[in-house]
Amino acid sequence: MRVHAEIKRIIVVDDEKEYTSALAKKLKKEGYKVDCFSDPVKAISMAIKKPYDLVISEYKFENMDGFQLVGILQGIMPTLHSILLTKCLDEAVELRAIESGIDQFINKQKSIEVAVKYIVEILNREYQQVFTPRELISQEEGIVLNTRKREVYKDDQIIDVTKKEYDLLLLFLSNKGVALSREAIAEQLWTTEIEEIDLRVIDGHINRLRAKLNLFCINAIRGYGYKWNEQ
């Protein structure tokens, strides 16, 4: 069993009881607290009552899909990590998962051990971020990123950003002046194998972040990636 500085809570929403039971058993052995639901509506009701660190959701339900469920839960808990489960091998669904900021897309045909490996990696990544400075600042852009509250301010105004936008900004502000390849950015922000990611998705996330915060310091490096340039 792994020892965690703080016990992480996971909510699993899937109507395939055999898979859910096996996954929950493995996760509890890793030291996590796990609640399982087959009904997404009941999962939402529970999430209102107590916080979670990660949601693991089936892709399809009768009354909604996993993307909708994750969106609702992240509305309640903005820092919630997310994993989408499916037996569907549709690349369009996987691409949608990456573009929407889902942390991981897992094919159920892979072993439970593989799923647990991804889950541990995602939650350990969050634990490592606890040791970043309390605030990261860009004087030129008027940006303040509060790492304890996971809040972003632009010219003293709080800005609503998605989880992926926050993670991107954290990466750039932690690496000012460093040329980051698209592959390096993907490795930091996704646990999916790099070859499974269309790297143009990264360009889309960065363009949306630039537009939302009116950023000028993120400069593209042709054929390579990006760099935060600031005096």
Protein backbone atom coordinates (compact mmCIF):
# COMPACT_ATOMS: atom_id res chain seq x y z
CA MET A 1 0.00 0.00 0.00
CA ARG A 2 1.24 3.50 -0.83
CA VAL A 3 1.54 6.09 1.92
CA HIS A 4 -0.11 9.42 1.03
CA ALA A 5 0.40 12.72 2.85
CA GLU A 6 -3.37 13.08 2.67
CA ILE A 7 -5.77 10.27 1.86
CA LYS A 8 -7.26 10.91 -1.57
CA ARG A 9 -10.94 10.34 -2.27
CA ILE A 10 -12.08 8.76 -5.53
CA ILE A 11 -15.62 8.50 -6.86
CA VAL A 12 -16.23 5.75 -9.42
CA VAL A 13 -19.38 5.93 -11.56
CA ASP A 14 -19.99 2.85 -13.69
CA ASP A 15 -22.87 0.40 -14.04
CA GLU A 16 -20.58 -2.57 -14.74
CA LYS A 17 -20.43 -3.89 -11.18
CA GLU A 18 -17.79 -6.57 -11.71
CA TYR A 19 -15.30 -4.09 -13.18
CA THR A 20 -16.12 -1.42 -10.59
CA SER A 21 -15.72 -3.85 -7.70
CA ALA A 22 -12.33 -5.09 -8.94
CA LEU A 23 -11.08 -1.54 -9.53
CA ALA A 24 -12.26 -0.30 -6.13
CA LYS A 25 -10.59 -3.24 -4.38
CA LYS A 26 -7.24 -2.45 -6.03
CA LEU A 27 -7.51 1.26 -5.27
CA LYS A 28 -8.32 0.65 -1.61
CA LYS A 29 -5.19 -1.51 -1.38
CA GLU A 30 -3.27 1.50 -2.70
CA GLY A 31 -4.56 3.52 0.25
CA TYR A 32 -7.34 5.53 -1.40
CA LYS A 33 -10.90 6.03 -0.17
CA VAL A 34 -13.33 4.92 -2.87
CA ASP A 35 -17.08 5.38 -3.32
CA CYS A 36 -18.83 3.57 -6.18
CA PHE A 37 -22.10 4.40 -7.92
CA SER A 38 -23.94 2.91 -10.87
CA ASP A 39 -26.27 5.91 -11.14
CA PRO A 40 -24.64 9.26 -12.08
CA VAL A 41 -27.46 11.23 -10.43
CA LYS A 42 -26.74 9.56 -7.08
CA ALA A 43 -23.03 10.24 -7.60
CA ILE A 44 -23.77 13.94 -8.09
CA SER A 45 -25.86 13.99 -4.91
CA MET A 46 -22.98 12.48 -2.95
CA ALA A 47 -20.44 14.89 -4.48
CA ILE A 48 -22.51 17.81 -3.19
CA LYS A 49 -22.13 16.43 0.33
CA LYS A 50 -18.41 15.61 0.35
CA PRO A 51 -15.35 16.46 -1.77
CA TYR A 52 -13.40 14.14 -4.04
CA ASP A 53 -10.01 14.35 -5.72
CA LEU A 54 -10.77 12.18 -8.75
CA VAL A 55 -13.82 10.98 -10.67
CA ILE A 56 -13.62 7.80 -12.75
CA SER A 57 -16.65 7.64 -15.03
CA GLU A 58 -18.06 5.33 -17.66
CA TYR A 59 -18.49 7.02 -21.04
CA LYS A 60 -22.18 6.21 -21.54
CA PHE A 61 -25.19 6.19 -19.21
CA GLU A 62 -28.91 6.13 -19.97
CA ASN A 63 -29.58 9.70 -18.87
CA MET A 64 -26.25 11.42 -19.65
CA ASP A 65 -22.73 10.74 -20.87
CA GLY A 66 -19.45 10.81 -18.98
CA PHE A 67 -18.48 14.22 -20.36
CA GLN A 68 -21.66 15.74 -18.95
CA LEU A 69 -21.12 14.05 -15.59
CA VAL A 70 -17.52 15.25 -15.33
CA GLY A 71 -18.64 18.78 -16.25
CA ILE A 72 -21.28 18.80 -13.51
CA LEU A 73 -18.89 17.41 -10.89
CA GLN A 74 -16.14 19.88 -11.82
CA GLY A 75 -18.71 22.65 -11.46
CA ILE A 76 -19.07 21.51 -7.84
CA MET A 77 -15.34 20.75 -7.38
CA PRO A 78 -13.24 22.80 -9.87
CA THR A 79 -9.96 21.03 -9.04
CA LEU A 80 -11.41 17.54 -9.57
CA HIS A 81 -9.30 15.22 -11.73
CA SER A 82 -11.13 13.04 -14.24
CA ILE A 83 -10.79 9.69 -16.00
CA LEU A 84 -13.15 8.36 -18.65
CA LEU A 85 -13.73 4.61 -19.03
CA THR A 86 -15.08 2.87 -22.10
CA LYS A 87 -15.01 -0.30 -24.16
CA CYS A 88 -15.54 1.85 -27.23
CA LEU A 89 -12.47 2.13 -29.46
CA ASP A 90 -13.82 5.18 -31.29
CA GLU A 91 -10.94 7.61 -31.86
CA ALA A 92 -13.40 10.51 -32.05
CA VAL A 93 -14.44 9.84 -28.44
CA GLU A 94 -10.83 9.65 -27.30
CA LEU A 95 -9.99 12.88 -29.12
CA ARG A 96 -12.99 14.58 -27.50
CA ALA A 97 -11.74 13.40 -24.10
CA ILE A 98 -8.32 14.95 -24.69
CA GLU A 99 -9.74 18.19 -26.08
CA SER A 100 -12.20 18.60 -23.20
CA GLY A 101 -9.45 18.35 -20.60
CA ILE A 102 -10.16 14.83 -19.32
CA ASP A 103 -6.97 13.71 -17.56
CA GLN A 104 -7.05 10.17 -18.89
CA PHE A 105 -9.06 8.02 -21.29
CA ILE A 106 -8.87 4.31 -20.37
CA ASN A 107 -9.99 1.41 -22.52
CA LYS A 108 -11.65 -1.18 -20.27
CA GLN A 109 -10.11 -3.93 -22.35
CA LYS A 110 -6.82 -3.06 -20.67
CA SER A 111 -6.09 -4.67 -17.31
CA ILE A 112 -7.15 -3.23 -13.96
CA GLU A 113 -3.44 -2.93 -13.13
CA VAL A 114 -2.93 -0.54 -16.06
CA ALA A 115 -5.90 1.58 -14.94
CA VAL A 116 -4.55 1.76 -11.38
CA LYS A 117 -1.12 2.82 -12.68
CA TYR A 118 -2.67 5.78 -14.51
CA ILE A 119 -4.76 6.72 -11.46
CA VAL A 120 -1.78 6.68 -9.10
CA GLU A 121 0.25 8.78 -11.55
CA ILE A 122 -2.48 11.42 -11.82
CA LEU A 123 -2.92 11.76 -8.06
CA ASN A 124 0.83 11.73 -7.39
CA ARG A 125 1.25 14.55 -9.91
CA GLU A 126 -1.17 16.65 -7.84
CA TYR A 127 0.75 15.77 -4.65
CA GLN A 128 4.01 17.01 -6.22
CA GLN A 129 2.38 20.35 -7.05
CA VAL A 130 1.83 20.99 -3.34
CA PHE A 131 5.52 21.90 -3.16
CA THR A 132 5.37 24.65 -5.79
CA PRO A 133 5.52 28.28 -4.54
CA ARG A 134 2.30 29.66 -3.09
CA GLU A 135 2.13 32.26 -5.88
CA LEU A 136 3.58 32.41 -9.38
CA ILE A 137 3.59 35.89 -10.89
CA SER A 138 4.02 37.45 -14.32
CA GLN A 139 4.58 41.19 -13.96
CA GLU A 140 4.38 41.78 -17.72
CA GLU A 141 1.06 39.98 -18.11
CA GLY A 142 -0.43 41.11 -14.79
CA ILE A 143 -0.97 37.44 -13.87
CA VAL A 144 -0.98 35.94 -10.38
CA LEU A 145 -1.48 32.19 -10.00
CA ASN A 146 -2.33 31.06 -6.47
CA THR A 147 -1.25 27.42 -6.26
CA ARG A 148 -2.90 26.75 -2.90
CA LYS A 149 -6.34 27.91 -3.98
CA ARG A 150 -5.79 27.04 -7.67
CA GLU A 151 -6.96 30.52 -8.63
CA VAL A 152 -5.83 32.74 -11.50
CA TYR A 153 -5.92 36.55 -11.39
CA LYS A 154 -5.45 38.94 -14.30
CA ASP A 155 -4.98 42.60 -13.34
CA ASP A 156 -6.40 41.80 -9.87
CA GLN A 157 -9.54 40.20 -11.34
CA ILE A 158 -10.15 36.50 -10.75
CA ILE A 159 -10.49 34.59 -14.02
CA ASP A 160 -12.47 31.39 -14.47
CA VAL A 161 -10.15 28.87 -16.15
CA THR A 162 -10.53 25.18 -16.90
CA LYS A 163 -8.34 22.62 -15.19
CA LYS A 164 -6.19 22.17 -18.31
CA GLU A 165 -5.83 25.94 -18.72
CA TYR A 166 -4.69 26.20 -15.10
CA ASP A 167 -2.21 23.35 -15.54
CA LEU A 168 -0.81 24.92 -18.72
CA LEU A 169 -0.36 28.28 -17.04
CA LEU A 170 1.32 26.63 -14.05
CA LEU A 171 3.70 24.82 -16.40
CA PHE A 172 4.67 27.98 -18.28
CA LEU A 173 5.06 30.18 -15.18
CA SER A 174 7.21 27.49 -13.56
CA ASN A 175 9.44 27.38 -16.66
CA LYS A 176 9.86 30.99 -17.80
CA GLY A 177 12.38 31.27 -20.63
CA VAL A 178 12.48 27.50 -21.15
CA ALA A 179 11.66 26.10 -24.59
CA LEU A 180 9.02 23.41 -24.07
CA SER A 181 8.39 20.93 -26.85
CA ARG A 182 4.84 19.83 -27.58
CA GLU A 183 5.87 16.35 -26.46
CA ALA A 184 7.15 17.70 -23.13
CA ILE A 185 3.92 19.63 -22.58
CA ALA A 186 1.87 16.51 -23.36
CA GLU A 187 3.92 14.44 -20.91
CA GLN A 188 3.26 16.97 -18.14
CA LEU A 189 -0.46 17.40 -18.76
CA TRP A 190 -1.61 13.96 -19.88
CA THR A 191 -0.83 10.43 -18.74
CA THR A 192 -1.90 9.01 -22.11
CA GLU A 193 0.96 7.67 -24.22
CA ILE A 194 2.39 10.51 -26.32
CA GLU A 195 1.86 8.70 -29.60
CA GLU A 196 -1.86 8.49 -28.80
CA ILE A 197 -2.21 12.29 -28.62
CA ASP A 198 -2.73 14.53 -31.64
CA LEU A 199 -0.26 17.26 -30.66
CA ARG A 200 -2.43 19.83 -32.43
CA VAL A 201 -4.76 19.49 -29.44
CA ILE A 202 -2.06 21.24 -27.39
CA ASP A 203 -2.07 24.16 -29.84
CA GLY A 204 -5.82 24.47 -29.33
CA HIS A 205 -5.53 24.57 -25.54
CA ILE A 206 -2.75 27.17 -25.70
CA ASN A 207 -4.65 29.35 -28.17
CA ARG A 208 -7.70 29.34 -25.91
CA LEU A 209 -5.55 30.22 -22.89
CA ARG A 210 -3.93 33.09 -24.80
CA ALA A 211 -7.30 34.45 -25.86
CA LYS A 212 -8.93 34.13 -22.43
CA LEU A 213 -6.09 35.89 -20.58
CA ASN A 214 -4.97 38.13 -23.47
CA LEU A 215 -1.43 36.73 -23.19
CA PHE A 216 1.57 37.91 -25.20
CA CYS A 217 4.41 36.09 -23.42
CA ILE A 218 3.63 32.61 -24.81
CA ASN A 219 5.61 32.45 -28.04
CA ALA A 220 5.45 29.61 -30.55
CA ILE A 221 8.68 27.94 -31.65
CA ARG A 222 8.13 26.72 -35.18
CA GLY A 223 8.31 22.96 -35.53
CA TYR A 224 9.03 22.50 -31.82
CA GLY A 225 6.74 23.96 -29.20
CA TYR A 226 6.38 27.06 -27.01
CA LYS A 227 8.28 29.34 -24.65
CA TRP A 228 7.18 31.91 -22.07
CA ASN A 229 9.31 34.98 -22.84
CA GLU A 230 9.40 37.60 -20.12
CA GLN A 231 12.05 40.14 -19.19
